[in-house]
Amino acid sequence: MRTDNYRHWTPDLDGQLMDGIASGLSIEKSGARLGLTKGSAIGRFNRIKQQMGWQAT
């Protein structure tokens, strides 16, 4: 049986990730502060960047 450790992304969690990055943290460190893996933080950043375009960087 699979245990569901999946954490759903919320606008608040997206904002916290992006705020950390905007303050100069790496994507990995910003995600780690939120209890996320490197892969999940990078993946989410890339999806946000695709949606927002240049404004995300």
C-alpha atoms as a PDB file:
ATOM      1  CA  MET A   1       0.000   0.000   0.000  1.00  0.00           C
ATOM      2  CA  ARG A   2       1.269   3.435  -0.915  1.00  0.00           C
ATOM      3  CA  THR A   3       1.603   6.074   1.749  1.00  0.00           C
ATOM      4  CA  ASP A   4       0.708   9.470   0.390  1.00  0.00           C
ATOM      5  CA  ASN A   5       3.424  11.903   1.407  1.00  0.00           C
ATOM      6  CA  TYR A   6       2.546  14.140  -1.515  1.00  0.00           C
ATOM      7  CA  ARG A   7       2.272  17.778  -0.553  1.00  0.00           C
ATOM      8  CA  HIS A   8      -0.144  19.789  -2.642  1.00  0.00           C
ATOM      9  CA  TRP A   9       1.148  23.092  -3.928  1.00  0.00           C
ATOM     10  CA  THR A  10      -0.810  26.123  -2.807  1.00  0.00           C
ATOM     11  CA  PRO A  11      -0.471  29.748  -3.886  1.00  0.00           C
ATOM     12  CA  ASP A  12       0.985  30.456  -0.426  1.00  0.00           C
ATOM     13  CA  LEU A  13       3.622  27.729  -0.784  1.00  0.00           C
ATOM     14  CA  ASP A  14       4.451  28.970  -4.293  1.00  0.00           C
ATOM     15  CA  GLY A  15       4.871  32.467  -2.882  1.00  0.00           C
ATOM     16  CA  GLN A  16       7.146  31.303  -0.092  1.00  0.00           C
ATOM     17  CA  LEU A  17       9.317  29.401  -2.565  1.00  0.00           C
ATOM     18  CA  MET A  18       9.556  32.393  -4.895  1.00  0.00           C
ATOM     19  CA  ASP A  19      10.177  34.840  -2.014  1.00  0.00           C
ATOM     20  CA  GLY A  20      13.121  32.743  -0.883  1.00  0.00           C
ATOM     21  CA  ILE A  21      14.551  32.706  -4.382  1.00  0.00           C
ATOM     22  CA  ALA A  22      13.981  36.458  -4.782  1.00  0.00           C
ATOM     23  CA  SER A  23      15.838  37.087  -1.509  1.00  0.00           C
ATOM     24  CA  GLY A  24      18.917  35.397  -2.944  1.00  0.00           C
ATOM     25  CA  LEU A  25      18.544  31.794  -1.802  1.00  0.00           C
ATOM     26  CA  SER A  26      19.128  29.022  -4.294  1.00  0.00           C
ATOM     27  CA  ILE A  27      16.071  27.085  -5.413  1.00  0.00           C
ATOM     28  CA  GLU A  28      17.332  24.127  -3.387  1.00  0.00           C
ATOM     29  CA  LYS A  29      17.801  26.168  -0.181  1.00  0.00           C
ATOM     30  CA  SER A  30      14.486  27.967  -0.594  1.00  0.00           C
ATOM     31  CA  GLY A  31      12.747  24.603  -0.964  1.00  0.00           C
ATOM     32  CA  ALA A  32      14.632  23.084   1.970  1.00  0.00           C
ATOM     33  CA  ARG A  33      13.349  25.863   4.254  1.00  0.00           C
ATOM     34  CA  LEU A  34       9.844  24.690   3.337  1.00  0.00           C
ATOM     35  CA  GLY A  35      10.649  21.008   3.901  1.00  0.00           C
ATOM     36  CA  LEU A  36      10.787  20.203   0.178  1.00  0.00           C
ATOM     37  CA  THR A  37      13.218  18.070  -1.755  1.00  0.00           C
ATOM     38  CA  LYS A  38      15.580  19.632  -4.259  1.00  0.00           C
ATOM     39  CA  GLY A  39      13.727  17.943  -7.123  1.00  0.00           C
ATOM     40  CA  SER A  40      10.291  19.132  -6.056  1.00  0.00           C
ATOM     41  CA  ALA A  41      11.480  22.721  -5.558  1.00  0.00           C
ATOM     42  CA  ILE A  42      13.231  22.822  -8.937  1.00  0.00           C
ATOM     43  CA  GLY A  43      10.272  21.192 -10.678  1.00  0.00           C
ATOM     44  CA  ARG A  44       7.809  23.644  -9.172  1.00  0.00           C
ATOM     45  CA  PHE A  45      10.017  26.621 -10.006  1.00  0.00           C
ATOM     46  CA  ASN A  46      10.202  25.460 -13.615  1.00  0.00           C
ATOM     47  CA  ARG A  47       6.401  25.123 -13.820  1.00  0.00           C
ATOM     48  CA  ILE A  48       5.917  28.590 -12.330  1.00  0.00           C
ATOM     49  CA  LYS A  49       8.503  29.983 -14.750  1.00  0.00           C
ATOM     50  CA  GLN A  50       6.643  28.441 -17.699  1.00  0.00           C
ATOM     51  CA  GLN A  51       3.403  30.061 -16.558  1.00  0.00           C
ATOM     52  CA  MET A  52       4.885  33.470 -15.729  1.00  0.00           C
ATOM     53  CA  GLY A  53       7.603  33.729 -18.338  1.00  0.00           C
ATOM     54  CA  TRP A  54      10.359  36.264 -17.714  1.00  0.00           C
ATOM     55  CA  GLN A  55       8.581  37.677 -14.639  1.00  0.00           C
ATOM     56  CA  ALA A  56       9.527  34.570 -12.625  1.00  0.00           C
ATOM     57  CA  THR A  57      13.253  35.194 -12.933  1.00  0.00           C
END
